[in-house]
C-alpha atoms as a PDB file:
ATOM      1  CA  MET A   1     122.809 197.761 -67.392  1.00  0.00           C
ATOM      2  CA  SER A   2     120.184 200.086 -65.943  1.00  0.00           C
ATOM      3  CA  PHE A   3     118.110 198.781 -63.073  1.00  0.00           C
ATOM      4  CA  GLY A   4     114.923 200.354 -61.827  1.00  0.00           C
ATOM      5  CA  ARG A   5     111.238 199.812 -61.567  1.00  0.00           C
ATOM      6  CA  VAL A   6     108.084 201.304 -60.104  1.00  0.00           C
ATOM      7  CA  ILE A   7     106.984 199.654 -56.855  1.00  0.00           C
ATOM      8  CA  ASP A   8     103.849 199.946 -54.735  1.00  0.00           C
ATOM      9  CA  VAL A   9     104.493 200.951 -51.115  1.00  0.00           C
ATOM     10  CA  ASP A  10     101.764 200.027 -48.620  1.00  0.00           C
ATOM     11  CA  CYS A  11     101.202 200.671 -44.928  1.00  0.00           C
ATOM     12  CA  GLN A  12     101.225 197.739 -42.486  1.00  0.00           C
ATOM     13  CA  CYS A  13      97.425 198.119 -42.305  1.00  0.00           C
ATOM     14  CA  GLY A  14      97.220 197.428 -46.058  1.00  0.00           C
ATOM     15  CA  ALA A  15      96.378 200.937 -47.281  1.00  0.00           C
ATOM     16  CA  PRO A  16      98.322 202.097 -50.378  1.00  0.00           C
ATOM     17  CA  LEU A  17     100.705 204.978 -49.658  1.00  0.00           C
ATOM     18  CA  PHE A  18     102.435 205.715 -52.970  1.00  0.00           C
ATOM     19  CA  ARG A  19     104.054 204.328 -56.112  1.00  0.00           C
ATOM     20  CA  TYR A  20     107.785 204.916 -56.218  1.00  0.00           C
ATOM     21  CA  TYR A  21     110.500 204.556 -58.847  1.00  0.00           C
ATOM     22  CA  LYS A  22     113.293 202.606 -57.114  1.00  0.00           C
ATOM     23  CA  SER A  23     116.541 202.703 -59.045  1.00  0.00           C
ATOM     24  CA  SER A  24     118.767 200.570 -56.829  1.00  0.00           C
ATOM     25  CA  HIS A  25     118.869 197.154 -55.162  1.00  0.00           C
ATOM     26  CA  GLY A  26     118.179 196.583 -51.489  1.00  0.00           C
ATOM     27  CA  ARG A  27     115.663 197.648 -48.889  1.00  0.00           C
ATOM     28  CA  LEU A  28     113.560 200.766 -49.197  1.00  0.00           C
ATOM     29  CA  ILE A  29     114.907 203.095 -46.497  1.00  0.00           C
ATOM     30  CA  LYS A  30     114.468 206.568 -47.935  1.00  0.00           C
ATOM     31  CA  VAL A  31     112.159 207.829 -50.651  1.00  0.00           C
ATOM     32  CA  PHE A  32     113.159 210.813 -52.766  1.00  0.00           C
ATOM     33  CA  LEU A  33     110.039 212.926 -53.293  1.00  0.00           C
ATOM     34  CA  GLU A  34     110.878 213.591 -56.946  1.00  0.00           C
ATOM     35  CA  ASN A  35     110.725 209.823 -57.684  1.00  0.00           C
ATOM     36  CA  ILE A  36     107.179 209.344 -56.337  1.00  0.00           C
ATOM     37  CA  ARG A  37     105.002 208.521 -59.344  1.00  0.00           C
ATOM     38  CA  LYS A  38     101.565 208.433 -57.672  1.00  0.00           C
ATOM     39  CA  ASP A  39     100.878 209.809 -54.211  1.00  0.00           C
ATOM     40  CA  PHE A  40      97.873 208.507 -52.237  1.00  0.00           C
ATOM     41  CA  VAL A  41      98.513 210.342 -48.925  1.00  0.00           C
ATOM     42  CA  GLY A  42      99.698 213.817 -50.002  1.00  0.00           C
ATOM     43  CA  ILE A  43     103.417 213.492 -49.277  1.00  0.00           C
ATOM     44  CA  THR A  44     104.503 215.590 -52.254  1.00  0.00           C
ATOM     45  CA  ASN A  45     101.920 218.332 -51.623  1.00  0.00           C
ATOM     46  CA  THR A  46     102.842 219.335 -48.080  1.00  0.00           C
ATOM     47  CA  PRO A  47     106.522 218.900 -47.232  1.00  0.00           C
ATOM     48  CA  PRO A  48     108.145 219.217 -44.669  1.00  0.00           C
ATOM     49  CA  GLN A  49     105.349 217.816 -42.472  1.00  0.00           C
ATOM     50  CA  ALA A  50     105.527 214.255 -41.198  1.00  0.00           C
ATOM     51  CA  PRO A  51     103.061 212.340 -43.417  1.00  0.00           C
ATOM     52  CA  VAL A  52     100.570 209.896 -41.893  1.00  0.00           C
ATOM     53  CA  CYS A  53      98.586 206.953 -43.262  1.00  0.00           C
ATOM     54  CA  THR A  54      95.055 208.024 -44.153  1.00  0.00           C
ATOM     55  CA  ALA A  55      93.596 204.687 -42.957  1.00  0.00           C
ATOM     56  CA  CYS A  56      95.259 204.032 -39.577  1.00  0.00           C
ATOM     57  CA  GLY A  57      96.891 207.393 -38.724  1.00  0.00           C
ATOM     58  CA  LYS A  58     100.429 206.047 -38.193  1.00  0.00           C
ATOM     59  CA  GLU A  59     103.338 208.321 -39.056  1.00  0.00           C
ATOM     60  CA  ILE A  60     105.013 207.066 -42.250  1.00  0.00           C
ATOM     61  CA  GLY A  61     108.343 208.807 -41.760  1.00  0.00           C
ATOM     62  CA  VAL A  62     110.172 212.122 -41.575  1.00  0.00           C
ATOM     63  CA  ILE A  63     110.899 214.437 -44.502  1.00  0.00           C
ATOM     64  CA  GLN A  64     114.485 215.739 -44.562  1.00  0.00           C
ATOM     65  CA  LEU A  65     117.194 216.907 -46.936  1.00  0.00           C
ATOM     66  CA  VAL A  66     119.443 214.096 -48.180  1.00  0.00           C
ATOM     67  CA  GLY A  67     122.216 215.137 -50.544  1.00  0.00           C
ATOM     68  CA  GLY A  68     120.439 218.390 -51.348  1.00  0.00           C
ATOM     69  CA  ARG A  69     117.170 216.625 -52.276  1.00  0.00           C
ATOM     70  CA  LEU A  70     113.987 216.257 -50.226  1.00  0.00           C
ATOM     71  CA  ALA A  71     113.506 212.672 -49.076  1.00  0.00           C
ATOM     72  CA  LEU A  72     111.144 210.758 -46.829  1.00  0.00           C
ATOM     73  CA  LYS A  73     113.070 208.661 -44.273  1.00  0.00           C
ATOM     74  CA  LEU A  74     110.677 205.763 -43.669  1.00  0.00           C
ATOM     75  CA  ASN A  75     109.677 204.356 -40.300  1.00  0.00           C
ATOM     76  CA  GLN A  76     110.432 200.696 -40.986  1.00  0.00           C
ATOM     77  CA  GLY A  77     107.681 199.436 -38.672  1.00  0.00           C
ATOM     78  CA  THR A  78     104.996 201.419 -40.473  1.00  0.00           C
ATOM     79  CA  VAL A  79     105.440 200.319 -44.090  1.00  0.00           C
ATOM     80  CA  LYS A  80     105.369 196.789 -45.479  1.00  0.00           C
ATOM     81  CA  SER A  81     108.851 195.530 -46.232  1.00  0.00           C
ATOM     82  CA  VAL A  82     110.007 196.285 -49.783  1.00  0.00           C
ATOM     83  CA  ARG A  83     113.231 194.798 -51.125  1.00  0.00           C
ATOM     84  CA  LEU A  84     114.622 194.566 -54.650  1.00  0.00           C
END
């Protein structure tokens, strides 16, 4: 059975950050850039900078290589909790 769905990821201030295809259960800890469906803050356009929320200016996370793929390691205090 295949599990996965597109989720909305928002900043703690309420601003939308991106839509992401999450293919596994559990908390959202890292975001693979290739699975971002719609980007509201320009994460996919300018790696490897640290992306920030356009509304409040908080740093969303750090872009790094994970298993040979670019991923955004989220700052858990910046984004609203997402769990599947």
